[in-house]
Amino acid sequence: MLNRIRVAVTLLAIAGLAPALSACHTTAGMGQDISQGGHALTNSADANAPSTPHP
């Protein structure tokens, strides 16, 4: 009985980790896309900032 529970838990763990492990490349790509969006926003804000600050 204990052996069946151990096998079931192991299979559930493997099934749960498989999508996470296969998505590592996708997650890295998403992080790069978000980073590039942040850089674009910063560059746009710098380009459109007034030259003299308002009091």
N, C-alpha and C. Protein backbone atom coordinates (compact mmCIF):
# COMPACT_ATOMS: atom_id res chain seq x y z
N MET A 1 0.83 -1.20 0.00
CA MET A 1 0.00 0.00 0.00
C MET A 1 0.87 1.26 0.00
N LEU A 2 1.88 1.28 0.86
CA LEU A 2 2.76 2.43 0.94
C LEU A 2 3.55 2.61 -0.35
N ASN A 3 3.90 1.49 -0.98
CA ASN A 3 4.63 1.54 -2.24
C ASN A 3 3.78 2.16 -3.35
N ARG A 4 2.51 1.86 -3.38
CA ARG A 4 1.60 2.43 -4.40
C ARG A 4 1.46 3.93 -4.21
N ILE A 5 1.39 4.37 -2.97
CA ILE A 5 1.27 5.81 -2.69
C ILE A 5 2.56 6.51 -3.13
N ARG A 6 3.69 5.90 -2.84
CA ARG A 6 4.97 6.49 -3.22
C ARG A 6 5.08 6.61 -4.73
N VAL A 7 4.66 5.60 -5.46
CA VAL A 7 4.69 5.63 -6.92
C VAL A 7 3.74 6.70 -7.45
N ALA A 8 2.57 6.81 -6.86
CA ALA A 8 1.59 7.80 -7.30
C ALA A 8 2.11 9.22 -7.07
N VAL A 9 2.72 9.45 -5.92
CA VAL A 9 3.26 10.78 -5.63
C VAL A 9 4.41 11.11 -6.57
N THR A 10 5.25 10.15 -6.85
CA THR A 10 6.36 10.36 -7.77
C THR A 10 5.86 10.69 -9.17
N LEU A 11 4.87 9.96 -9.64
CA LEU A 11 4.31 10.23 -10.97
C LEU A 11 3.65 11.60 -11.04
N LEU A 12 2.96 11.99 -9.99
CA LEU A 12 2.34 13.31 -9.96
C LEU A 12 3.40 14.41 -9.95
N ALA A 13 4.48 14.20 -9.23
CA ALA A 13 5.56 15.19 -9.19
C ALA A 13 6.21 15.33 -10.57
N ILE A 14 6.46 14.21 -11.23
CA ILE A 14 7.06 14.26 -12.56
C ILE A 14 6.11 14.94 -13.54
N ALA A 15 4.83 14.61 -13.46
CA ALA A 15 3.84 15.22 -14.36
C ALA A 15 3.71 16.72 -14.09
N GLY A 16 3.87 17.14 -12.85
CA GLY A 16 3.78 18.55 -12.52
C GLY A 16 5.01 19.34 -12.92
N LEU A 17 6.17 18.70 -12.86
CA LEU A 17 7.41 19.41 -13.19
C LEU A 17 7.72 19.44 -14.69
N ALA A 18 7.20 18.52 -15.43
CA ALA A 18 7.50 18.45 -16.87
C ALA A 18 7.14 19.75 -17.61
N PRO A 19 5.96 20.31 -17.45
CA PRO A 19 5.66 21.56 -18.16
C PRO A 19 6.55 22.72 -17.71
N ALA A 20 6.87 22.76 -16.43
CA ALA A 20 7.72 23.84 -15.93
C ALA A 20 9.12 23.75 -16.52
N LEU A 21 9.64 22.55 -16.61
CA LEU A 21 10.99 22.38 -17.15
C LEU A 21 11.03 22.65 -18.65
N SER A 22 9.99 22.32 -19.35
CA SER A 22 9.97 22.56 -20.80
C SER A 22 9.71 24.02 -21.13
N ALA A 23 9.20 24.79 -20.19
CA ALA A 23 8.88 26.20 -20.43
C ALA A 23 10.03 27.13 -20.08
N CYS A 24 11.17 26.61 -19.65
CA CYS A 24 12.29 27.47 -19.26
C CYS A 24 12.72 28.38 -20.41
N HIS A 25 12.81 27.84 -21.61
CA HIS A 25 13.24 28.65 -22.76
C HIS A 25 12.21 29.74 -23.04
N THR A 26 10.95 29.42 -22.93
CA THR A 26 9.89 30.39 -23.18
C THR A 26 9.92 31.50 -22.12
N THR A 27 10.16 31.13 -20.88
CA THR A 27 10.21 32.11 -19.80
C THR A 27 11.38 33.07 -20.00
N ALA A 28 12.52 32.56 -20.42
CA ALA A 28 13.67 33.43 -20.68
C ALA A 28 13.36 34.41 -21.81
N GLY A 29 12.71 33.93 -22.85
CA GLY A 29 12.34 34.80 -23.96
C GLY A 29 11.36 35.87 -23.54
N MET A 30 10.43 35.51 -22.69
CA MET A 30 9.45 36.49 -22.20
C MET A 30 10.15 37.56 -21.37
N GLY A 31 11.13 37.15 -20.56
CA GLY A 31 11.88 38.11 -19.75
C GLY A 31 12.65 39.09 -20.62
N GLN A 32 13.21 38.60 -21.71
CA GLN A 32 13.93 39.49 -22.63
C GLN A 32 12.97 40.46 -23.30
N ASP A 33 11.80 39.99 -23.67
CA ASP A 33 10.81 40.87 -24.30
C ASP A 33 10.37 41.97 -23.33
N ILE A 34 10.14 41.62 -22.09
CA ILE A 34 9.73 42.61 -21.09
C ILE A 34 10.85 43.62 -20.86
N SER A 35 12.08 43.13 -20.82
CA SER A 35 13.24 44.02 -20.64
C SER A 35 13.36 45.00 -21.80
N GLN A 36 13.20 44.51 -23.02
CA GLN A 36 13.28 45.39 -24.19
C GLN A 36 12.17 46.44 -24.18
N GLY A 37 10.99 46.04 -23.72
CA GLY A 37 9.89 47.00 -23.60
C GLY A 37 10.20 48.08 -22.58
N GLY A 38 10.83 47.70 -21.48
CA GLY A 38 11.23 48.67 -20.47
C GLY A 38 12.27 49.64 -20.98
N HIS A 39 13.23 49.12 -21.75
CA HIS A 39 14.25 50.00 -22.33
C HIS A 39 13.63 50.98 -23.32
N ALA A 40 12.70 50.51 -24.13
CA ALA A 40 12.03 51.38 -25.09
C ALA A 40 11.24 52.48 -24.38
N LEU A 41 10.58 52.13 -23.29
CA LEU A 41 9.81 53.11 -22.53
C LEU A 41 10.74 54.15 -21.91
N THR A 42 11.86 53.70 -21.36
CA THR A 42 12.83 54.63 -20.77
C THR A 42 13.40 55.57 -21.82
N ASN A 43 13.76 55.02 -22.97
CA ASN A 43 14.31 55.86 -24.04
C ASN A 43 13.29 56.88 -24.53
N SER A 44 12.04 56.48 -24.64
CA SER A 44 10.99 57.39 -25.07
C SER A 44 10.77 58.50 -24.04
N ALA A 45 10.79 58.13 -22.77
CA ALA A 45 10.61 59.13 -21.72
C ALA A 45 11.77 60.12 -21.72
N ASP A 46 12.99 59.62 -21.90
CA ASP A 46 14.15 60.51 -21.94
C ASP A 46 14.09 61.45 -23.14
N ALA A 47 13.67 60.94 -24.28
CA ALA A 47 13.61 61.75 -25.50
C ALA A 47 12.53 62.81 -25.41
N ASN A 48 11.46 62.57 -24.66
CA ASN A 48 10.35 63.52 -24.61
C ASN A 48 10.30 64.33 -23.32
N ALA A 49 11.33 64.25 -22.51
CA ALA A 49 11.37 65.01 -21.27
C ALA A 49 11.69 66.47 -21.58
N PRO A 50 11.11 67.38 -20.82
CA PRO A 50 11.41 68.79 -21.04
C PRO A 50 12.87 69.08 -20.67
N SER A 51 13.47 70.07 -21.34
CA SER A 51 14.87 70.37 -21.10
C SER A 51 15.08 71.09 -19.79
N THR A 52 14.08 71.86 -19.35
CA THR A 52 14.19 72.55 -18.05
C THR A 52 13.04 72.06 -17.17
N PRO A 53 13.34 71.71 -15.93
CA PRO A 53 12.26 71.24 -15.04
C PRO A 53 11.34 72.37 -14.63
N HIS A 54 10.07 72.05 -14.44
CA HIS A 54 9.09 73.04 -14.00
C HIS A 54 9.17 73.19 -12.49
N PRO A 55 9.02 74.42 -11.98
CA PRO A 55 9.09 74.63 -10.51
C PRO A 55 7.93 74.07 -9.77
